[in-house]
Amino acid sequence: VLSFGLWLQQRTTGIKVRITIDGE
């Protein structure tokens, strides 16, 4: 059940990307 939940969460399509350089 936990593996399936993690798999579903990871398969959600993203909306945007965040770019960070050295934490900023």
PDB file of all heavy atoms in Angstrom:
ATOM      1  N   VAL A   1       0.833  -1.205   0.000  1.00  0.00           N
ATOM      2  CA  VAL A   1       0.000   0.000   0.000  1.00  0.00           C
ATOM      3  C   VAL A   1       0.869   1.256   0.000  1.00  0.00           C
ATOM      4  O   VAL A   1       0.618   2.205  -0.759  1.00  0.00           O
ATOM      5  CB  VAL A   1      -0.976  -0.004   1.205  1.00  0.00           C
ATOM      6  CG1 VAL A   1      -1.636   1.346   1.391  1.00  0.00           C
ATOM      7  CG2 VAL A   1      -2.016  -1.095   1.030  1.00  0.00           C
ATOM      8  N   LEU A   2       1.924   1.296   0.822  1.00  0.00           N
ATOM      9  CA  LEU A   2       2.814   2.457   0.852  1.00  0.00           C
ATOM     10  C   LEU A   2       3.549   2.638  -0.476  1.00  0.00           C
ATOM     11  O   LEU A   2       3.695   3.758  -0.960  1.00  0.00           O
ATOM     12  CB  LEU A   2       3.816   2.334   1.993  1.00  0.00           C
ATOM     13  CG  LEU A   2       3.251   2.533   3.401  1.00  0.00           C
ATOM     14  CD1 LEU A   2       4.329   2.268   4.445  1.00  0.00           C
ATOM     15  CD2 LEU A   2       2.681   3.922   3.570  1.00  0.00           C
ATOM     16  N   SER A   3       4.003   1.556  -1.063  1.00  0.00           N
ATOM     17  CA  SER A   3       4.688   1.641  -2.360  1.00  0.00           C
ATOM     18  C   SER A   3       3.769   2.183  -3.438  1.00  0.00           C
ATOM     19  O   SER A   3       4.163   3.009  -4.259  1.00  0.00           O
ATOM     20  CB  SER A   3       5.212   0.265  -2.781  1.00  0.00           C
ATOM     21  OG  SER A   3       6.170  -0.189  -1.877  1.00  0.00           O
ATOM     22  N   PHE A   4       2.534   1.714  -3.438  1.00  0.00           N
ATOM     23  CA  PHE A   4       1.561   2.188  -4.421  1.00  0.00           C
ATOM     24  C   PHE A   4       1.275   3.669  -4.227  1.00  0.00           C
ATOM     25  O   PHE A   4       1.196   4.434  -5.196  1.00  0.00           O
ATOM     26  CB  PHE A   4       0.263   1.376  -4.328  1.00  0.00           C
ATOM     27  CG  PHE A   4      -0.746   1.733  -5.366  1.00  0.00           C
ATOM     28  CD1 PHE A   4      -0.548   1.410  -6.693  1.00  0.00           C
ATOM     29  CD2 PHE A   4      -1.911   2.402  -5.020  1.00  0.00           C
ATOM     30  CE1 PHE A   4      -1.474   1.751  -7.664  1.00  0.00           C
ATOM     31  CE2 PHE A   4      -2.847   2.739  -5.970  1.00  0.00           C
ATOM     32  CZ  PHE A   4      -2.633   2.412  -7.299  1.00  0.00           C
ATOM     33  N   GLY A   5       1.144   4.111  -2.976  1.00  0.00           N
ATOM     34  CA  GLY A   5       0.917   5.531  -2.690  1.00  0.00           C
ATOM     35  C   GLY A   5       2.070   6.400  -3.153  1.00  0.00           C
ATOM     36  O   GLY A   5       1.866   7.468  -3.739  1.00  0.00           O
ATOM     37  N   LEU A   6       3.289   5.959  -2.900  1.00  0.00           N
ATOM     38  CA  LEU A   6       4.456   6.719  -3.355  1.00  0.00           C
ATOM     39  C   LEU A   6       4.529   6.746  -4.872  1.00  0.00           C
ATOM     40  O   LEU A   6       4.888   7.759  -5.472  1.00  0.00           O
ATOM     41  CB  LEU A   6       5.734   6.128  -2.774  1.00  0.00           C
ATOM     42  CG  LEU A   6       5.923   6.329  -1.275  1.00  0.00           C
ATOM     43  CD1 LEU A   6       7.142   5.548  -0.785  1.00  0.00           C
ATOM     44  CD2 LEU A   6       6.068   7.793  -0.937  1.00  0.00           C
ATOM     45  N   TRP A   7       4.183   5.648  -5.505  1.00  0.00           N
ATOM     46  CA  TRP A   7       4.213   5.587  -6.964  1.00  0.00           C
ATOM     47  C   TRP A   7       3.185   6.556  -7.553  1.00  0.00           C
ATOM     48  O   TRP A   7       3.482   7.267  -8.514  1.00  0.00           O
ATOM     49  CB  TRP A   7       3.926   4.164  -7.425  1.00  0.00           C
ATOM     50  CG  TRP A   7       3.896   4.021  -8.905  1.00  0.00           C
ATOM     51  CD1 TRP A   7       4.970   3.949  -9.747  1.00  0.00           C
ATOM     52  CD2 TRP A   7       2.740   3.948  -9.732  1.00  0.00           C
ATOM     53  NE1 TRP A   7       4.540   3.825 -11.049  1.00  0.00           N
ATOM     54  CE2 TRP A   7       3.179   3.825 -11.066  1.00  0.00           C
ATOM     55  CE3 TRP A   7       1.376   3.964  -9.476  1.00  0.00           C
ATOM     56  CZ2 TRP A   7       2.298   3.725 -12.131  1.00  0.00           C
ATOM     57  CZ3 TRP A   7       0.499   3.864 -10.545  1.00  0.00           C
ATOM     58  CH2 TRP A   7       0.969   3.742 -11.855  1.00  0.00           C
ATOM     59  N   LEU A   8       1.988   6.604  -6.966  1.00  0.00           N
ATOM     60  CA  LEU A   8       0.967   7.534  -7.453  1.00  0.00           C
ATOM     61  C   LEU A   8       1.393   8.983  -7.276  1.00  0.00           C
ATOM     62  O   LEU A   8       1.180   9.816  -8.152  1.00  0.00           O
ATOM     63  CB  LEU A   8      -0.355   7.312  -6.714  1.00  0.00           C
ATOM     64  CG  LEU A   8      -1.202   6.151  -7.170  1.00  0.00           C
ATOM     65  CD1 LEU A   8      -2.443   6.033  -6.302  1.00  0.00           C
ATOM     66  CD2 LEU A   8      -1.577   6.276  -8.627  1.00  0.00           C
ATOM     67  N   GLN A   9       2.019   9.287  -6.142  1.00  0.00           N
ATOM     68  CA  GLN A   9       2.454  10.657  -5.886  1.00  0.00           C
ATOM     69  C   GLN A   9       3.529  11.077  -6.875  1.00  0.00           C
ATOM     70  O   GLN A   9       3.542  12.196  -7.351  1.00  0.00           O
ATOM     71  CB  GLN A   9       2.984  10.783  -4.464  1.00  0.00           C
ATOM     72  CG  GLN A   9       3.432  12.188  -4.117  1.00  0.00           C
ATOM     73  CD  GLN A   9       3.993  12.264  -2.707  1.00  0.00           C
ATOM     74  OE1 GLN A   9       4.269  11.259  -2.082  1.00  0.00           O
ATOM     75  NE2 GLN A   9       4.172  13.472  -2.232  1.00  0.00           N
ATOM     76  N   GLN A  10       4.426  10.178  -7.193  1.00  0.00           N
ATOM     77  CA  GLN A  10       5.516  10.514  -8.107  1.00  0.00           C
ATOM     78  C   GLN A  10       5.019  10.669  -9.539  1.00  0.00           C
ATOM     79  O   GLN A  10       5.616  11.375 -10.323  1.00  0.00           O
ATOM     80  CB  GLN A  10       6.587   9.433  -8.041  1.00  0.00           C
ATOM     81  CG  GLN A  10       7.827   9.771  -8.823  1.00  0.00           C
ATOM     82  CD  GLN A  10       8.890   8.704  -8.697  1.00  0.00           C
ATOM     83  OE1 GLN A  10       8.592   7.560  -8.379  1.00  0.00           O
ATOM     84  NE2 GLN A  10      10.124   9.069  -8.935  1.00  0.00           N
ATOM     85  N   ARG A  11       3.942  10.029  -9.889  1.00  0.00           N
ATOM     86  CA  ARG A  11       3.438  10.057 -11.255  1.00  0.00           C
ATOM     87  C   ARG A  11       2.582  11.272 -11.563  1.00  0.00           C
ATOM     88  O   ARG A  11       2.069  11.399 -12.645  1.00  0.00           O
ATOM     89  CB  ARG A  11       2.657   8.779 -11.549  1.00  0.00           C
ATOM     90  CG  ARG A  11       3.518   7.557 -11.540  1.00  0.00           C
ATOM     91  CD  ARG A  11       4.481   7.636 -12.687  1.00  0.00           C
ATOM     92  NE  ARG A  11       5.534   6.659 -12.528  1.00  0.00           N
ATOM     93  CZ  ARG A  11       6.730   6.796 -13.040  1.00  0.00           C
ATOM     94  NH1 ARG A  11       7.045   7.862 -13.732  1.00  0.00           N
ATOM     95  NH2 ARG A  11       7.649   5.875 -12.874  1.00  0.00           N
ATOM     96  N   THR A  12       2.402  12.172 -10.613  1.00  0.00           N
ATOM     97  CA  THR A  12       1.600  13.361 -10.840  1.00  0.00           C
ATOM     98  C   THR A  12       2.389  14.338 -11.707  1.00  0.00           C
ATOM     99  O   THR A  12       3.523  14.673 -11.404  1.00  0.00           O
ATOM    100  CB  THR A  12       1.225  14.025  -9.503  1.00  0.00           C
ATOM    101  OG1 THR A  12       0.582  13.057  -8.681  1.00  0.00           O
ATOM    102  CG2 THR A  12       0.312  15.206  -9.714  1.00  0.00           C
ATOM    103  N   THR A  13       1.787  14.795 -12.774  1.00  0.00           N
ATOM    104  CA  THR A  13       2.448  15.720 -13.687  1.00  0.00           C
ATOM    105  C   THR A  13       2.654  17.071 -13.012  1.00  0.00           C
ATOM    106  O   THR A  13       1.763  17.580 -12.349  1.00  0.00           O
ATOM    107  CB  THR A  13       1.616  15.891 -14.958  1.00  0.00           C
ATOM    108  OG1 THR A  13       1.435  14.610 -15.558  1.00  0.00           O
ATOM    109  CG2 THR A  13       2.307  16.820 -15.944  1.00  0.00           C
ATOM    110  N   GLY A  14       3.834  17.622 -13.175  1.00  0.00           N
ATOM    111  CA  GLY A  14       4.160  18.905 -12.578  1.00  0.00           C
ATOM    112  C   GLY A  14       3.584  20.072 -13.348  1.00  0.00           C
ATOM    113  O   GLY A  14       3.169  19.949 -14.500  1.00  0.00           O
ATOM    114  N   ILE A  15       3.595  21.230 -12.685  1.00  0.00           N
ATOM    115  CA  ILE A  15       3.075  22.459 -13.280  1.00  0.00           C
ATOM    116  C   ILE A  15       4.204  23.364 -13.738  1.00  0.00           C
ATOM    117  O   ILE A  15       4.144  23.980 -14.781  1.00  0.00           O
ATOM    118  CB  ILE A  15       2.186  23.207 -12.264  1.00  0.00           C
ATOM    119  CG1 ILE A  15       0.967  22.354 -11.917  1.00  0.00           C
ATOM    120  CG2 ILE A  15       1.757  24.562 -12.789  1.00  0.00           C
ATOM    121  CD1 ILE A  15       0.148  22.897 -10.775  1.00  0.00           C
ATOM    122  N   LYS A  16       5.268  23.421 -12.931  1.00  0.00           N
ATOM    123  CA  LYS A  16       6.380  24.312 -13.252  1.00  0.00           C
ATOM    124  C   LYS A  16       7.680  23.728 -12.729  1.00  0.00           C
ATOM    125  O   LYS A  16       7.674  22.750 -11.983  1.00  0.00           O
ATOM    126  CB  LYS A  16       6.153  25.703 -12.685  1.00  0.00           C
ATOM    127  CG  LYS A  16       6.021  25.763 -11.170  1.00  0.00           C
ATOM    128  CD  LYS A  16       5.971  27.175 -10.626  1.00  0.00           C
ATOM    129  CE  LYS A  16       4.634  27.809 -10.809  1.00  0.00           C
ATOM    130  NZ  LYS A  16       4.504  29.092 -10.123  1.00  0.00           N
ATOM    131  N   VAL A  17       8.793  24.336 -13.129  1.00  0.00           N
ATOM    132  CA  VAL A  17      10.102  23.948 -12.604  1.00  0.00           C
ATOM    133  C   VAL A  17      10.666  25.115 -11.809  1.00  0.00           C
ATOM    134  O   VAL A  17      10.449  26.281 -12.146  1.00  0.00           O
ATOM    135  CB  VAL A  17      11.099  23.538 -13.706  1.00  0.00           C
ATOM    136  CG1 VAL A  17      10.682  22.260 -14.380  1.00  0.00           C
ATOM    137  CG2 VAL A  17      11.307  24.630 -14.722  1.00  0.00           C
ATOM    138  N   ARG A  18      11.371  24.782 -10.744  1.00  0.00           N
ATOM    139  CA  ARG A  18      12.080  25.783  -9.944  1.00  0.00           C
ATOM    140  C   ARG A  18      13.574  25.522 -10.119  1.00  0.00           C
ATOM    141  O   ARG A  18      14.049  24.410  -9.932  1.00  0.00           O
ATOM    142  CB  ARG A  18      11.714  25.686  -8.469  1.00  0.00           C
ATOM    143  CG  ARG A  18      12.516  26.681  -7.618  1.00  0.00           C
ATOM    144  CD  ARG A  18      12.247  26.538  -6.142  1.00  0.00           C
ATOM    145  NE  ARG A  18      10.867  26.928  -5.876  1.00  0.00           N
ATOM    146  CZ  ARG A  18      10.161  26.472  -4.846  1.00  0.00           C
ATOM    147  NH1 ARG A  18      10.677  25.616  -4.003  1.00  0.00           N
ATOM    148  NH2 ARG A  18       8.930  26.893  -4.657  1.00  0.00           N
ATOM    149  N   ILE A  19      14.296  26.579 -10.459  1.00  0.00           N
ATOM    150  CA  ILE A  19      15.741  26.489 -10.624  1.00  0.00           C
ATOM    151  C   ILE A  19      16.393  27.168  -9.430  1.00  0.00           C
ATOM    152  O   ILE A  19      16.085  28.328  -9.130  1.00  0.00           O
ATOM    153  CB  ILE A  19      16.189  27.165 -11.939  1.00  0.00           C
ATOM    154  CG1 ILE A  19      15.492  26.521 -13.140  1.00  0.00           C
ATOM    155  CG2 ILE A  19      17.711  27.118 -12.074  1.00  0.00           C
ATOM    156  CD1 ILE A  19      15.682  27.264 -14.438  1.00  0.00           C
ATOM    157  N   THR A  20      17.282  26.464  -8.755  1.00  0.00           N
ATOM    158  CA  THR A  20      18.034  27.057  -7.648  1.00  0.00           C
ATOM    159  C   THR A  20      19.520  26.891  -7.911  1.00  0.00           C
ATOM    160  O   THR A  20      19.963  25.874  -8.445  1.00  0.00           O
ATOM    161  CB  THR A  20      17.683  26.408  -6.293  1.00  0.00           C
ATOM    162  OG1 THR A  20      17.910  25.008  -6.369  1.00  0.00           O
ATOM    163  CG2 THR A  20      16.239  26.655  -5.917  1.00  0.00           C
ATOM    164  N   ILE A  21      20.269  27.923  -7.545  1.00  0.00           N
ATOM    165  CA  ILE A  21      21.723  27.888  -7.635  1.00  0.00           C
ATOM    166  C   ILE A  21      22.268  28.144  -6.242  1.00  0.00           C
ATOM    167  O   ILE A  21      22.015  29.200  -5.658  1.00  0.00           O
ATOM    168  CB  ILE A  21      22.264  28.953  -8.623  1.00  0.00           C
ATOM    169  CG1 ILE A  21      21.688  28.720 -10.018  1.00  0.00           C
ATOM    170  CG2 ILE A  21      23.792  28.932  -8.650  1.00  0.00           C
ATOM    171  CD1 ILE A  21      22.049  29.790 -11.019  1.00  0.00           C
ATOM    172  N   ASP A  22      22.995  27.178  -5.734  1.00  0.00           N
ATOM    173  CA  ASP A  22      23.589  27.264  -4.395  1.00  0.00           C
ATOM    174  C   ASP A  22      22.531  27.615  -3.339  1.00  0.00           C
ATOM    175  O   ASP A  22      22.756  28.430  -2.455  1.00  0.00           O
ATOM    176  CB  ASP A  22      24.737  28.267  -4.386  1.00  0.00           C
ATOM    177  CG  ASP A  22      25.682  28.063  -3.205  1.00  0.00           C
ATOM    178  OD1 ASP A  22      25.609  26.998  -2.559  1.00  0.00           O
ATOM    179  OD2 ASP A  22      26.489  28.976  -2.933  1.00  0.00           O
ATOM    180  N   GLY A  23      21.331  27.018  -3.478  1.00  0.00           N
ATOM    181  CA  GLY A  23      20.260  27.231  -2.516  1.00  0.00           C
ATOM    182  C   GLY A  23      19.422  28.476  -2.739  1.00  0.00           C
ATOM    183  O   GLY A  23      18.384  28.656  -2.102  1.00  0.00           O
ATOM    184  N   GLU A  24      19.828  29.344  -3.624  1.00  0.00           N
ATOM    185  CA  GLU A  24      19.081  30.575  -3.929  1.00  0.00           C
ATOM    186  C   GLU A  24      18.197  30.332  -5.155  1.00  0.00           C
ATOM    187  O   GLU A  24      18.650  29.775  -6.154  1.00  0.00           O
ATOM    188  CB  GLU A  24      20.040  31.732  -4.225  1.00  0.00           C
ATOM    189  CG  GLU A  24      20.974  32.089  -3.083  1.00  0.00           C
ATOM    190  CD  GLU A  24      20.262  32.790  -1.945  1.00  0.00           C
ATOM    191  OE1 GLU A  24      19.321  33.571  -2.229  1.00  0.00           O
ATOM    192  OE2 GLU A  24      20.617  32.532  -0.791  1.00  0.00           O
TER     193      GLU A  24
END
